[in-house]
């Protein structure tokens, strides 16, 4: 994925997150379903942001940004621990 595609995915995930939160507020989703999907979206967003940072760091270092890879959810989510 190039930077434009990653940013497009981020936008899609954010739009879905907002729509899901609005649907939940209107009572159109169950709390469990909404929470599970929100968590999934948060992880996907974290992975996209991480991939974008990797690509930009590679460009800054004169390396090939296409060699950046999506890291596993556990690695991205536990980054600061």
C-alpha atoms as a PDB file:
ATOM      1  CA  UNK A   1       0.000   0.000   0.000  1.00  0.00           C
ATOM      2  CA  UNK A   2       1.276   3.460  -0.806  1.00  0.00           C
ATOM      3  CA  UNK A   3       0.719   6.527   1.366  1.00  0.00           C
ATOM      4  CA  UNK A   4      -2.401   7.607  -0.520  1.00  0.00           C
ATOM      5  CA  UNK A   5      -3.991   4.177  -0.054  1.00  0.00           C
ATOM      6  CA  UNK A   6      -3.119   4.117   3.646  1.00  0.00           C
ATOM      7  CA  UNK A   7      -4.638   7.561   4.167  1.00  0.00           C
ATOM      8  CA  UNK A   8      -7.734   6.411   2.279  1.00  0.00           C
ATOM      9  CA  UNK A   9      -8.095   3.410   4.580  1.00  0.00           C
ATOM     10  CA  UNK A  10      -7.659   5.630   7.626  1.00  0.00           C
ATOM     11  CA  UNK A  11     -10.430   7.898   6.344  1.00  0.00           C
ATOM     12  CA  UNK A  12     -12.717   4.903   5.728  1.00  0.00           C
ATOM     13  CA  UNK A  13     -12.096   3.520   9.210  1.00  0.00           C
ATOM     14  CA  UNK A  14     -12.744   6.884  10.847  1.00  0.00           C
ATOM     15  CA  UNK A  15     -15.982   7.331   8.897  1.00  0.00           C
ATOM     16  CA  UNK A  16     -17.113   3.841   9.893  1.00  0.00           C
ATOM     17  CA  UNK A  17     -16.221   4.543  13.518  1.00  0.00           C
ATOM     18  CA  UNK A  18     -18.289   7.743  13.523  1.00  0.00           C
ATOM     19  CA  UNK A  19     -21.228   6.011  11.818  1.00  0.00           C
ATOM     20  CA  UNK A  20     -21.086   3.157  14.310  1.00  0.00           C
ATOM     21  CA  UNK A  21     -21.020   5.523  17.282  1.00  0.00           C
ATOM     22  CA  UNK A  22     -23.991   7.438  15.871  1.00  0.00           C
ATOM     23  CA  UNK A  23     -25.936   4.220  15.211  1.00  0.00           C
ATOM     24  CA  UNK A  24     -25.201   3.077  18.745  1.00  0.00           C
ATOM     25  CA  UNK A  25     -26.451   6.374  20.172  1.00  0.00           C
ATOM     26  CA  UNK A  26     -29.697   5.902  18.219  1.00  0.00           C
ATOM     27  CA  UNK A  27     -30.032   2.399  19.654  1.00  0.00           C
ATOM     28  CA  UNK A  28     -29.531   0.693  16.300  1.00  0.00           C
ATOM     29  CA  UNK A  29     -26.731  -1.611  17.489  1.00  0.00           C
ATOM     30  CA  UNK A  30     -26.210  -3.769  20.517  1.00  0.00           C
ATOM     31  CA  UNK A  31     -23.623  -2.586  22.997  1.00  0.00           C
ATOM     32  CA  UNK A  32     -21.569  -5.777  22.628  1.00  0.00           C
ATOM     33  CA  UNK A  33     -21.558  -5.628  18.827  1.00  0.00           C
ATOM     34  CA  UNK A  34     -20.672  -1.943  18.803  1.00  0.00           C
ATOM     35  CA  UNK A  35     -17.860  -2.373  21.318  1.00  0.00           C
ATOM     36  CA  UNK A  36     -16.389  -5.327  19.431  1.00  0.00           C
ATOM     37  CA  UNK A  37     -16.416  -3.500  16.085  1.00  0.00           C
ATOM     38  CA  UNK A  38     -15.071  -0.289  17.649  1.00  0.00           C
ATOM     39  CA  UNK A  39     -12.174  -2.226  19.138  1.00  0.00           C
ATOM     40  CA  UNK A  40     -11.487  -3.818  15.777  1.00  0.00           C
ATOM     41  CA  UNK A  41     -11.497  -0.396  14.116  1.00  0.00           C
ATOM     42  CA  UNK A  42      -9.135   1.006  16.749  1.00  0.00           C
ATOM     43  CA  UNK A  43      -6.654  -1.787  16.076  1.00  0.00           C
ATOM     44  CA  UNK A  44      -6.918  -1.345  12.301  1.00  0.00           C
ATOM     45  CA  UNK A  45      -6.389   2.407  12.670  1.00  0.00           C
ATOM     46  CA  UNK A  46      -3.346   1.870  14.875  1.00  0.00           C
ATOM     47  CA  UNK A  47      -1.893  -0.502  12.298  1.00  0.00           C
ATOM     48  CA  UNK A  48      -2.487   1.992   9.486  1.00  0.00           C
ATOM     49  CA  UNK A  49      -0.924   4.869  11.423  1.00  0.00           C
ATOM     50  CA  UNK A  50       2.054   2.664  12.293  1.00  0.00           C
ATOM     51  CA  UNK A  51       2.511   1.656   8.651  1.00  0.00           C
ATOM     52  CA  UNK A  52       2.323   5.291   7.580  1.00  0.00           C
ATOM     53  CA  UNK A  53       4.970   6.263  10.157  1.00  0.00           C
ATOM     54  CA  UNK A  54       7.193   3.393   8.995  1.00  0.00           C
ATOM     55  CA  UNK A  55       6.911   4.503   5.367  1.00  0.00           C
ATOM     56  CA  UNK A  56       7.671   8.129   6.203  1.00  0.00           C
ATOM     57  CA  UNK A  57      10.650   7.129   8.353  1.00  0.00           C
ATOM     58  CA  UNK A  58      12.019   5.014   5.515  1.00  0.00           C
ATOM     59  CA  UNK A  59      11.695   7.912   3.078  1.00  0.00           C
ATOM     60  CA  UNK A  60      13.466  10.224   5.540  1.00  0.00           C
ATOM     61  CA  UNK A  61      16.259   7.661   5.896  1.00  0.00           C
ATOM     62  CA  UNK A  62      16.633   7.253   2.129  1.00  0.00           C
ATOM     63  CA  UNK A  63      15.189   3.743   2.184  1.00  0.00           C
ATOM     64  CA  UNK A  64      12.440   2.150   0.125  1.00  0.00           C
ATOM     65  CA  UNK A  65       9.067   2.912   1.769  1.00  0.00           C
ATOM     66  CA  UNK A  66       7.523  -0.104   0.020  1.00  0.00           C
ATOM     67  CA  UNK A  67       9.511  -2.360   2.341  1.00  0.00           C
ATOM     68  CA  UNK A  68       7.435  -1.197   5.336  1.00  0.00           C
ATOM     69  CA  UNK A  69       5.008  -3.865   6.511  1.00  0.00           C
ATOM     70  CA  UNK A  70       1.881  -4.001   8.613  1.00  0.00           C
ATOM     71  CA  UNK A  71       2.860  -5.150  12.076  1.00  0.00           C
ATOM     72  CA  UNK A  72       0.747  -7.645  14.035  1.00  0.00           C
ATOM     73  CA  UNK A  73      -2.015  -6.161  16.182  1.00  0.00           C
ATOM     74  CA  UNK A  74      -0.357  -7.356  19.395  1.00  0.00           C
ATOM     75  CA  UNK A  75       2.856  -5.584  18.522  1.00  0.00           C
ATOM     76  CA  UNK A  76       1.190  -2.312  17.532  1.00  0.00           C
ATOM     77  CA  UNK A  77      -1.212  -2.327  20.473  1.00  0.00           C
ATOM     78  CA  UNK A  78       1.464  -3.062  23.065  1.00  0.00           C
ATOM     79  CA  UNK A  79       4.002  -0.676  21.587  1.00  0.00           C
ATOM     80  CA  UNK A  80       4.529   1.357  24.778  1.00  0.00           C
ATOM     81  CA  UNK A  81       4.352  -1.425  27.309  1.00  0.00           C
END
